[in-house]
Amino acid sequence: MVHRKNLDTHAEGFAPTGVATPPLGEAVALPEASAVLDLLFQYMYPQPQPDLTKVEFSILAQLSEAAEKYQVYSAMEICKFRMQYVAFFNPIPVSGF
């Protein structure tokens, strides 16, 4: 779960608060895996950020896509940096980033 105020503040890719939002407290289904969303939402709170060196490549790739999709700027640059590093070990999948 993530607070609406945090979405408004830290992610430009989610709909603004006043535009066709569900009633307060109602869950919104997102297509990303829960492991990806758990990581992504950590970037929306004032806390230590997740250690992406411990995240398997498939989750890292999905996190990178979600950070771009939802415009979570605090996650985008570290994902880009980490994807550049793992490109050496996964050159084919990373070439699209």
PDB file of N, CA and C in Angstrom:
ATOM      1  N   MET A   1       0.845  -1.171   0.000  1.00  0.00           N
ATOM      2  CA  MET A   1       0.000   0.000   0.000  1.00  0.00           C
ATOM      3  C   MET A   1       0.895   1.240   0.000  1.00  0.00           C
ATOM      4  N   VAL A   2       0.457   2.236  -0.717  1.00  0.00           N
ATOM      5  CA  VAL A   2       1.170   3.507  -0.751  1.00  0.00           C
ATOM      6  C   VAL A   2       0.148   4.627  -0.579  1.00  0.00           C
ATOM      7  N   HIS A   3       0.523   5.657   0.129  1.00  0.00           N
ATOM      8  CA  HIS A   3      -0.386   6.770   0.375  1.00  0.00           C
ATOM      9  C   HIS A   3      -0.528   7.637  -0.872  1.00  0.00           C
ATOM     10  N   ARG A   4      -1.723   8.085  -1.129  1.00  0.00           N
ATOM     11  CA  ARG A   4      -2.017   8.910  -2.307  1.00  0.00           C
ATOM     12  C   ARG A   4      -1.144  10.160  -2.360  1.00  0.00           C
ATOM     13  N   LYS A   5      -0.905  10.767  -1.214  1.00  0.00           N
ATOM     14  CA  LYS A   5      -0.063  11.967  -1.166  1.00  0.00           C
ATOM     15  C   LYS A   5       1.354  11.652  -1.650  1.00  0.00           C
ATOM     16  N   ASN A   6       1.867  10.465  -1.303  1.00  0.00           N
ATOM     17  CA  ASN A   6       3.195  10.073  -1.753  1.00  0.00           C
ATOM     18  C   ASN A   6       3.217   9.853  -3.264  1.00  0.00           C
ATOM     19  N   LEU A   7       2.152   9.293  -3.813  1.00  0.00           N
ATOM     20  CA  LEU A   7       2.057   9.133  -5.263  1.00  0.00           C
ATOM     21  C   LEU A   7       2.072  10.497  -5.944  1.00  0.00           C
ATOM     22  N   ASP A   8       1.297  11.418  -5.416  1.00  0.00           N
ATOM     23  CA  ASP A   8       1.228  12.764  -5.994  1.00  0.00           C
ATOM     24  C   ASP A   8       2.586  13.466  -5.950  1.00  0.00           C
ATOM     25  N   THR A   9       3.328  13.239  -4.877  1.00  0.00           N
ATOM     26  CA  THR A   9       4.597  13.932  -4.674  1.00  0.00           C
ATOM     27  C   THR A   9       5.765  13.294  -5.420  1.00  0.00           C
ATOM     28  N   HIS A  10       5.788  11.963  -5.492  1.00  0.00           N
ATOM     29  CA  HIS A  10       6.981  11.266  -5.986  1.00  0.00           C
ATOM     30  C   HIS A  10       6.824  10.540  -7.306  1.00  0.00           C
ATOM     31  N   ALA A  11       5.634  10.553  -7.897  1.00  0.00           N
ATOM     32  CA  ALA A  11       5.438   9.839  -9.156  1.00  0.00           C
ATOM     33  C   ALA A  11       4.498  10.631 -10.051  1.00  0.00           C
ATOM     34  N   GLU A  12       5.014  11.094 -11.167  1.00  0.00           N
ATOM     35  CA  GLU A  12       4.184  11.870 -12.079  1.00  0.00           C
ATOM     36  C   GLU A  12       3.310  10.995 -12.967  1.00  0.00           C
ATOM     37  N   GLY A  13       3.597   9.700 -13.038  1.00  0.00           N
ATOM     38  CA  GLY A  13       2.893   8.815 -13.949  1.00  0.00           C
ATOM     39  C   GLY A  13       1.566   8.291 -13.447  1.00  0.00           C
ATOM     40  N   PHE A  14       1.213   8.556 -12.203  1.00  0.00           N
ATOM     41  CA  PHE A  14      -0.093   8.158 -11.681  1.00  0.00           C
ATOM     42  C   PHE A  14      -1.062   9.313 -11.876  1.00  0.00           C
ATOM     43  N   ALA A  15      -2.335   9.004 -12.012  1.00  0.00           N
ATOM     44  CA  ALA A  15      -3.345  10.040 -12.237  1.00  0.00           C
ATOM     45  C   ALA A  15      -3.357  11.036 -11.079  1.00  0.00           C
ATOM     46  N   PRO A  16      -3.521  12.316 -11.364  1.00  0.00           N
ATOM     47  CA  PRO A  16      -3.616  13.322 -10.290  1.00  0.00           C
ATOM     48  C   PRO A  16      -4.783  13.021  -9.360  1.00  0.00           C
ATOM     49  N   THR A  17      -4.688  13.506  -8.144  1.00  0.00           N
ATOM     50  CA  THR A  17      -5.677  13.216  -7.111  1.00  0.00           C
ATOM     51  C   THR A  17      -7.109  13.545  -7.535  1.00  0.00           C
ATOM     52  N   GLY A  18      -7.351  14.644  -8.207  1.00  0.00           N
ATOM     53  CA  GLY A  18      -8.713  15.045  -8.528  1.00  0.00           C
ATOM     54  C   GLY A  18      -9.299  14.428  -9.781  1.00  0.00           C
ATOM     55  N   VAL A  19      -8.560  13.595 -10.498  1.00  0.00           N
ATOM     56  CA  VAL A  19      -9.019  13.091 -11.791  1.00  0.00           C
ATOM     57  C   VAL A  19      -9.387  11.616 -11.711  1.00  0.00           C
ATOM     58  N   ALA A  20     -10.661  11.326 -11.748  1.00  0.00           N
ATOM     59  CA  ALA A  20     -11.186   9.956 -11.814  1.00  0.00           C
ATOM     60  C   ALA A  20     -10.454   8.991 -10.890  1.00  0.00           C
ATOM     61  N   THR A  21     -10.267   9.387  -9.665  1.00  0.00           N
ATOM     62  CA  THR A  21      -9.616   8.499  -8.713  1.00  0.00           C
ATOM     63  C   THR A  21     -10.671   7.674  -7.983  1.00  0.00           C
ATOM     64  N   PRO A  22     -10.306   6.489  -7.542  1.00  0.00           N
ATOM     65  CA  PRO A  22     -11.259   5.668  -6.798  1.00  0.00           C
ATOM     66  C   PRO A  22     -11.540   6.280  -5.436  1.00  0.00           C
ATOM     67  N   PRO A  23     -12.615   5.864  -4.803  1.00  0.00           N
ATOM     68  CA  PRO A  23     -12.919   6.370  -3.461  1.00  0.00           C
ATOM     69  C   PRO A  23     -11.766   6.089  -2.496  1.00  0.00           C
ATOM     70  N   LEU A  24     -11.614   6.964  -1.522  1.00  0.00           N
ATOM     71  CA  LEU A  24     -10.549   6.844  -0.539  1.00  0.00           C
ATOM     72  C   LEU A  24     -10.571   5.458   0.104  1.00  0.00           C
ATOM     73  N   GLY A  25      -9.429   4.828   0.157  1.00  0.00           N
ATOM     74  CA  GLY A  25      -9.320   3.510   0.780  1.00  0.00           C
ATOM     75  C   GLY A  25      -9.550   2.349  -0.166  1.00  0.00           C
ATOM     76  N   GLU A  26     -10.022   2.615  -1.375  1.00  0.00           N
ATOM     77  CA  GLU A  26     -10.270   1.540  -2.326  1.00  0.00           C
ATOM     78  C   GLU A  26      -8.971   1.188  -3.049  1.00  0.00           C
ATOM     79  N   ALA A  27      -8.721  -0.099  -3.205  1.00  0.00           N
ATOM     80  CA  ALA A  27      -7.499  -0.568  -3.866  1.00  0.00           C
ATOM     81  C   ALA A  27      -7.604  -0.382  -5.371  1.00  0.00           C
ATOM     82  N   VAL A  28      -6.462  -0.142  -5.997  1.00  0.00           N
ATOM     83  CA  VAL A  28      -6.369  -0.007  -7.441  1.00  0.00           C
ATOM     84  C   VAL A  28      -5.445  -1.114  -7.944  1.00  0.00           C
ATOM     85  N   ALA A  29      -5.914  -1.892  -8.902  1.00  0.00           N
ATOM     86  CA  ALA A  29      -5.105  -2.974  -9.454  1.00  0.00           C
ATOM     87  C   ALA A  29      -4.091  -2.409 -10.442  1.00  0.00           C
ATOM     88  N   LEU A  30      -2.853  -2.839 -10.308  1.00  0.00           N
ATOM     89  CA  LEU A  30      -1.788  -2.441 -11.221  1.00  0.00           C
ATOM     90  C   LEU A  30      -1.239  -3.718 -11.866  1.00  0.00           C
ATOM     91  N   PRO A  31      -0.784  -3.641 -13.113  1.00  0.00           N
ATOM     92  CA  PRO A  31      -0.354  -4.856 -13.816  1.00  0.00           C
ATOM     93  C   PRO A  31       1.004  -5.403 -13.364  1.00  0.00           C
ATOM     94  N   GLU A  32       1.802  -4.613 -12.660  1.00  0.00           N
ATOM     95  CA  GLU A  32       3.132  -5.052 -12.254  1.00  0.00           C
ATOM     96  C   GLU A  32       3.052  -6.081 -11.122  1.00  0.00           C
ATOM     97  N   ALA A  33       4.079  -6.923 -11.048  1.00  0.00           N
ATOM     98  CA  ALA A  33       4.179  -7.926  -9.983  1.00  0.00           C
ATOM     99  C   ALA A  33       4.342  -7.239  -8.628  1.00  0.00           C
ATOM    100  N   SER A  34       3.869  -7.883  -7.589  1.00  0.00           N
ATOM    101  CA  SER A  34       3.940  -7.279  -6.258  1.00  0.00           C
ATOM    102  C   SER A  34       5.383  -7.032  -5.826  1.00  0.00           C
ATOM    103  N   ALA A  35       6.325  -7.901  -6.198  1.00  0.00           N
ATOM    104  CA  ALA A  35       7.734  -7.695  -5.847  1.00  0.00           C
ATOM    105  C   ALA A  35       8.263  -6.404  -6.465  1.00  0.00           C
ATOM    106  N   VAL A  36       7.824  -6.113  -7.673  1.00  0.00           N
ATOM    107  CA  VAL A  36       8.243  -4.891  -8.369  1.00  0.00           C
ATOM    108  C   VAL A  36       7.635  -3.668  -7.692  1.00  0.00           C
ATOM    109  N   LEU A  37       6.348  -3.735  -7.398  1.00  0.00           N
ATOM    110  CA  LEU A  37       5.679  -2.602  -6.754  1.00  0.00           C
ATOM    111  C   LEU A  37       6.211  -2.364  -5.346  1.00  0.00           C
ATOM    112  N   ASP A  38       6.514  -3.436  -4.614  1.00  0.00           N
ATOM    113  CA  ASP A  38       7.086  -3.274  -3.276  1.00  0.00           C
ATOM    114  C   ASP A  38       8.381  -2.466  -3.339  1.00  0.00           C
ATOM    115  N   LEU A  39       9.229  -2.779  -4.310  1.00  0.00           N
ATOM    116  CA  LEU A  39      10.476  -2.029  -4.476  1.00  0.00           C
ATOM    117  C   LEU A  39      10.203  -0.597  -4.917  1.00  0.00           C
ATOM    118  N   LEU A  40       9.343  -0.440  -5.914  1.00  0.00           N
ATOM    119  CA  LEU A  40       9.055   0.890  -6.453  1.00  0.00           C
ATOM    120  C   LEU A  40       8.494   1.823  -5.387  1.00  0.00           C
ATOM    121  N   PHE A  41       7.570   1.332  -4.588  1.00  0.00           N
ATOM    122  CA  PHE A  41       6.938   2.176  -3.583  1.00  0.00           C
ATOM    123  C   PHE A  41       7.908   2.594  -2.477  1.00  0.00           C
ATOM    124  N   GLN A  42       8.998   1.846  -2.279  1.00  0.00           N
ATOM    125  CA  GLN A  42       9.988   2.238  -1.276  1.00  0.00           C
ATOM    126  C   GLN A  42      10.663   3.558  -1.648  1.00  0.00           C
ATOM    127  N   TYR A  43      10.671   3.878  -2.937  1.00  0.00           N
ATOM    128  CA  TYR A  43      11.268   5.140  -3.387  1.00  0.00           C
ATOM    129  C   TYR A  43      10.368   6.341  -3.126  1.00  0.00           C
ATOM    130  N   MET A  44       9.187   6.120  -2.615  1.00  0.00           N
ATOM    131  CA  MET A  44       8.231   7.205  -2.388  1.00  0.00           C
ATOM    132  C   MET A  44       8.139   7.608  -0.918  1.00  0.00           C
ATOM    133  N   TYR A  45       9.032   7.071  -0.097  1.00  0.00           N
ATOM    134  CA  TYR A  45       9.028   7.373   1.329  1.00  0.00           C
ATOM    135  C   TYR A  45      10.427   7.779   1.781  1.00  0.00           C
ATOM    136  N   PRO A  46      10.517   8.618   2.822  1.00  0.00           N
ATOM    137  CA  PRO A  46      11.826   9.023   3.342  1.00  0.00           C
ATOM    138  C   PRO A  46      12.420   7.899   4.201  1.00  0.00           C
ATOM    139  N   GLN A  47      13.078   6.995   3.547  1.00  0.00           N
ATOM    140  CA  GLN A  47      13.678   5.832   4.194  1.00  0.00           C
ATOM    141  C   GLN A  47      14.865   5.382   3.345  1.00  0.00           C
ATOM    142  N   PRO A  48      15.714   4.512   3.873  1.00  0.00           N
ATOM    143  CA  PRO A  48      16.796   3.990   3.039  1.00  0.00           C
ATOM    144  C   PRO A  48      16.212   3.270   1.814  1.00  0.00           C
ATOM    145  N   GLN A  49      16.846   3.498   0.686  1.00  0.00           N
ATOM    146  CA  GLN A  49      16.358   2.902  -0.559  1.00  0.00           C
ATOM    147  C   GLN A  49      16.805   1.445  -0.638  1.00  0.00           C
ATOM    148  N   PRO A  50      16.086   0.623  -1.406  1.00  0.00           N
ATOM    149  CA  PRO A  50      16.449  -0.794  -1.492  1.00  0.00           C
ATOM    150  C   PRO A  50      17.823  -0.989  -2.143  1.00  0.00           C
ATOM    151  N   ASP A  51      18.499  -2.032  -1.736  1.00  0.00           N
ATOM    152  CA  ASP A  51      19.805  -2.387  -2.288  1.00  0.00           C
ATOM    153  C   ASP A  51      19.569  -3.209  -3.556  1.00  0.00           C
ATOM    154  N   LEU A  52      19.716  -2.567  -4.700  1.00  0.00           N
ATOM    155  CA  LEU A  52      19.416  -3.232  -5.970  1.00  0.00           C
ATOM    156  C   LEU A  52      20.474  -4.250  -6.374  1.00  0.00           C
ATOM    157  N   THR A  53      21.594  -4.301  -5.657  1.00  0.00           N
ATOM    158  CA  THR A  53      22.588  -5.334  -5.956  1.00  0.00           C
ATOM    159  C   THR A  53      22.092  -6.714  -5.548  1.00  0.00           C
ATOM    160  N   LYS A  54      21.071  -6.748  -4.697  1.00  0.00           N
ATOM    161  CA  LYS A  54      20.526  -8.025  -4.214  1.00  0.00           C
ATOM    162  C   LYS A  54      19.248  -8.430  -4.954  1.00  0.00           C
ATOM    163  N   VAL A  55      18.876  -7.672  -5.977  1.00  0.00           N
ATOM    164  CA  VAL A  55      17.640  -7.927  -6.724  1.00  0.00           C
ATOM    165  C   VAL A  55      17.981  -8.702  -7.990  1.00  0.00           C
ATOM    166  N   GLU A  56      17.277  -9.797  -8.227  1.00  0.00           N
ATOM    167  CA  GLU A  56      17.553 -10.583  -9.432  1.00  0.00           C
ATOM    168  C   GLU A  56      17.252  -9.779 -10.689  1.00  0.00           C
ATOM    169  N   PHE A  57      17.921 -10.136 -11.769  1.00  0.00           N
ATOM    170  CA  PHE A  57      17.861  -9.342 -12.994  1.00  0.00           C
ATOM    171  C   PHE A  57      16.438  -9.148 -13.513  1.00  0.00           C
ATOM    172  N   SER A  58      15.627 -10.191 -13.524  1.00  0.00           N
ATOM    173  CA  SER A  58      14.270 -10.054 -14.084  1.00  0.00           C
ATOM    174  C   SER A  58      13.439  -9.033 -13.308  1.00  0.00           C
ATOM    175  N   ILE A  59      13.591  -8.995 -11.996  1.00  0.00           N
ATOM    176  CA  ILE A  59      12.869  -8.010 -11.171  1.00  0.00           C
ATOM    177  C   ILE A  59      13.447  -6.616 -11.404  1.00  0.00           C
ATOM    178  N   LEU A  60      14.761  -6.513 -11.507  1.00  0.00           N
ATOM    179  CA  LEU A  60      15.399  -5.226 -11.777  1.00  0.00           C
ATOM    180  C   LEU A  60      14.912  -4.644 -13.102  1.00  0.00           C
ATOM    181  N   ALA A  61      14.820  -5.479 -14.127  1.00  0.00           N
ATOM    182  CA  ALA A  61      14.339  -5.018 -15.431  1.00  0.00           C
ATOM    183  C   ALA A  61      12.895  -4.523 -15.335  1.00  0.00           C
ATOM    184  N   GLN A  62      12.062  -5.249 -14.617  1.00  0.00           N
ATOM    185  CA  GLN A  62      10.665  -4.836 -14.444  1.00  0.00           C
ATOM    186  C   GLN A  62      10.569  -3.561 -13.612  1.00  0.00           C
ATOM    187  N   LEU A  63      11.411  -3.445 -12.597  1.00  0.00           N
ATOM    188  CA  LEU A  63      11.436  -2.232 -11.771  1.00  0.00           C
ATOM    189  C   LEU A  63      11.843  -1.032 -12.617  1.00  0.00           C
ATOM    190  N   SER A  64      12.831  -1.214 -13.467  1.00  0.00           N
ATOM    191  CA  SER A  64      13.281  -0.133 -14.347  1.00  0.00           C
ATOM    192  C   SER A  64      12.156   0.330 -15.259  1.00  0.00           C
ATOM    193  N   GLU A  65      11.426  -0.617 -15.809  1.00  0.00           N
ATOM    194  CA  GLU A  65      10.290  -0.278 -16.680  1.00  0.00           C
ATOM    195  C   GLU A  65       9.198   0.444 -15.903  1.00  0.00           C
ATOM    196  N   ALA A  66       8.896  -0.043 -14.705  1.00  0.00           N
ATOM    197  CA  ALA A  66       7.852   0.589 -13.892  1.00  0.00           C
ATOM    198  C   ALA A  66       8.258   1.995 -13.460  1.00  0.00           C
ATOM    199  N   ALA A  67       9.524   2.190 -13.111  1.00  0.00           N
ATOM    200  CA  ALA A  67      10.005   3.518 -12.716  1.00  0.00           C
ATOM    201  C   ALA A  67       9.841   4.505 -13.869  1.00  0.00           C
ATOM    202  N   GLU A  68      10.135   4.057 -15.082  1.00  0.00           N
ATOM    203  CA  GLU A  68       9.944   4.911 -16.268  1.00  0.00           C
ATOM    204  C   GLU A  68       8.460   5.147 -16.536  1.00  0.00           C
ATOM    205  N   LYS A  69       7.680   4.092 -16.472  1.00  0.00           N
ATOM    206  CA  LYS A  69       6.243   4.180 -16.760  1.00  0.00           C
ATOM    207  C   LYS A  69       5.539   5.165 -15.828  1.00  0.00           C
ATOM    208  N   TYR A  70       5.823   5.055 -14.538  1.00  0.00           N
ATOM    209  CA  TYR A  70       5.150   5.896 -13.544  1.00  0.00           C
ATOM    210  C   TYR A  70       5.946   7.160 -13.213  1.00  0.00           C
ATOM    211  N   GLN A  71       7.072   7.347 -13.869  1.00  0.00           N
ATOM    212  CA  GLN A  71       7.918   8.527 -13.688  1.00  0.00           C
ATOM    213  C   GLN A  71       8.291   8.750 -12.225  1.00  0.00           C
ATOM    214  N   VAL A  72       8.828   7.703 -11.635  1.00  0.00           N
ATOM    215  CA  VAL A  72       9.342   7.780 -10.269  1.00  0.00           C
ATOM    216  C   VAL A  72      10.819   8.139 -10.392  1.00  0.00           C
ATOM    217  N   TYR A  73      11.082   9.439 -10.416  1.00  0.00           N
ATOM    218  CA  TYR A  73      12.419   9.939 -10.699  1.00  0.00           C
ATOM    219  C   TYR A  73      13.473   9.457  -9.708  1.00  0.00           C
ATOM    220  N   SER A  74      13.101   9.304  -8.454  1.00  0.00           N
ATOM    221  CA  SER A  74      14.063   8.855  -7.452  1.00  0.00           C
ATOM    222  C   SER A  74      14.535   7.429  -7.720  1.00  0.00           C
ATOM    223  N   ALA A  75      13.771   6.650  -8.449  1.00  0.00           N
ATOM    224  CA  ALA A  75      14.155   5.273  -8.784  1.00  0.00           C
ATOM    225  C   ALA A  75      14.780   5.173 -10.173  1.00  0.00           C
ATOM    226  N   MET A  76      14.450   6.087 -11.057  1.00  0.00           N
ATOM    227  CA  MET A  76      14.886   5.975 -12.453  1.00  0.00           C
ATOM    228  C   MET A  76      16.405   5.993 -12.605  1.00  0.00           C
ATOM    229  N   GLU A  77      17.080   6.900 -11.950  1.00  0.00           N
ATOM    230  CA  GLU A  77      18.523   7.027 -12.156  1.00  0.00           C
ATOM    231  C   GLU A  77      19.291   5.838 -11.584  1.00  0.00           C
ATOM    232  N   ILE A  78      18.902   5.371 -10.399  1.00  0.00           N
ATOM    233  CA  ILE A  78      19.603   4.224  -9.821  1.00  0.00           C
ATOM    234  C   ILE A  78      19.318   2.961 -10.637  1.00  0.00           C
ATOM    235  N   CYS A  79      18.118   2.839 -11.168  1.00  0.00           N
ATOM    236  CA  CYS A  79      17.808   1.698 -12.040  1.00  0.00           C
ATOM    237  C   CYS A  79      18.658   1.760 -13.313  1.00  0.00           C
ATOM    238  N   LYS A  80      18.784   2.938 -13.879  1.00  0.00           N
ATOM    239  CA  LYS A  80      19.600   3.120 -15.077  1.00  0.00           C
ATOM    240  C   LYS A  80      21.050   2.731 -14.790  1.00  0.00           C
ATOM    241  N   PHE A  81      21.578   3.215 -13.683  1.00  0.00           N
ATOM    242  CA  PHE A  81      22.949   2.909 -13.282  1.00  0.00           C
ATOM    243  C   PHE A  81      23.135   1.410 -13.104  1.00  0.00           C
ATOM    244  N   ARG A  82      22.209   0.781 -12.404  1.00  0.00           N
ATOM    245  CA  ARG A  82      22.309  -0.668 -12.131  1.00  0.00           C
ATOM    246  C   ARG A  82      22.160  -1.474 -13.417  1.00  0.00           C
ATOM    247  N   MET A  83      21.262  -1.066 -14.303  1.00  0.00           N
ATOM    248  CA  MET A  83      21.080  -1.776 -15.577  1.00  0.00           C
ATOM    249  C   MET A  83      22.337  -1.661 -16.429  1.00  0.00           C
ATOM    250  N   GLN A  84      23.010  -0.525 -16.391  1.00  0.00           N
ATOM    251  CA  GLN A  84      24.267  -0.378 -17.142  1.00  0.00           C
ATOM    252  C   GLN A  84      25.315  -1.348 -16.613  1.00  0.00           C
ATOM    253  N   TYR A  85      25.347  -1.537 -15.306  1.00  0.00           N
ATOM    254  CA  TYR A  85      26.297  -2.464 -14.709  1.00  0.00           C
ATOM    255  C   TYR A  85      25.985  -3.906 -15.109  1.00  0.00           C
ATOM    256  N   VAL A  86      24.737  -4.309 -15.013  1.00  0.00           N
ATOM    257  CA  VAL A  86      24.390  -5.707 -15.315  1.00  0.00           C
ATOM    258  C   VAL A  86      24.358  -5.984 -16.812  1.00  0.00           C
ATOM    259  N   ALA A  87      24.470  -4.969 -17.645  1.00  0.00           N
ATOM    260  CA  ALA A  87      24.499  -5.172 -19.095  1.00  0.00           C
ATOM    261  C   ALA A  87      25.674  -6.055 -19.495  1.00  0.00           C
ATOM    262  N   PHE A  88      26.747  -5.978 -18.750  1.00  0.00           N
ATOM    263  CA  PHE A  88      27.904  -6.818 -19.026  1.00  0.00           C
ATOM    264  C   PHE A  88      27.540  -8.294 -18.906  1.00  0.00           C
ATOM    265  N   PHE A  89      26.683  -8.633 -17.957  1.00  0.00           N
ATOM    266  CA  PHE A  89      26.306 -10.022 -17.705  1.00  0.00           C
ATOM    267  C   PHE A  89      25.054 -10.446 -18.470  1.00  0.00           C
ATOM    268  N   ASN A  90      24.235  -9.489 -18.892  1.00  0.00           N
ATOM    269  CA  ASN A  90      22.980  -9.743 -19.598  1.00  0.00           C
ATOM    270  C   ASN A  90      22.878  -8.825 -20.807  1.00  0.00           C
ATOM    271  N   PRO A  91      23.794  -8.916 -21.768  1.00  0.00           N
ATOM    272  CA  PRO A  91      23.840  -7.920 -22.846  1.00  0.00           C
ATOM    273  C   PRO A  91      22.623  -7.882 -23.758  1.00  0.00           C
ATOM    274  N   ILE A  92      22.011  -9.001 -24.045  1.00  0.00           N
ATOM    275  CA  ILE A  92      20.870  -9.021 -24.960  1.00  0.00           C
ATOM    276  C   ILE A  92      19.652  -8.339 -24.331  1.00  0.00           C
ATOM    277  N   PRO A  93      19.201  -8.752 -23.124  1.00  0.00           N
ATOM    278  CA  PRO A  93      18.018  -8.114 -22.542  1.00  0.00           C
ATOM    279  C   PRO A  93      18.184  -6.634 -22.240  1.00  0.00           C
ATOM    280  N   VAL A  94      19.383  -6.196 -21.889  1.00  0.00           N
ATOM    281  CA  VAL A  94      19.594  -4.807 -21.483  1.00  0.00           C
ATOM    282  C   VAL A  94      19.711  -3.882 -22.686  1.00  0.00           C
ATOM    283  N   SER A  95      19.987  -4.402 -23.847  1.00  0.00           N
ATOM    284  CA  SER A  95      20.217  -3.547 -25.005  1.00  0.00           C
ATOM    285  C   SER A  95      19.035  -2.646 -25.328  1.00  0.00           C
ATOM    286  N   GLY A  96      17.835  -3.001 -24.899  1.00  0.00           N
ATOM    287  CA  GLY A  96      16.652  -2.178 -25.159  1.00  0.00           C
ATOM    288  C   GLY A  96      16.513  -1.006 -24.212  1.00  0.00           C
ATOM    289  N   PHE A  97      17.327  -0.930 -23.156  1.00  0.00           N
ATOM    290  CA  PHE A  97      17.184   0.148 -22.172  1.00  0.00           C
ATOM    291  C   PHE A  97      18.056   1.311 -22.513  1.00  0.00           C
TER     292      PHE A  97
END
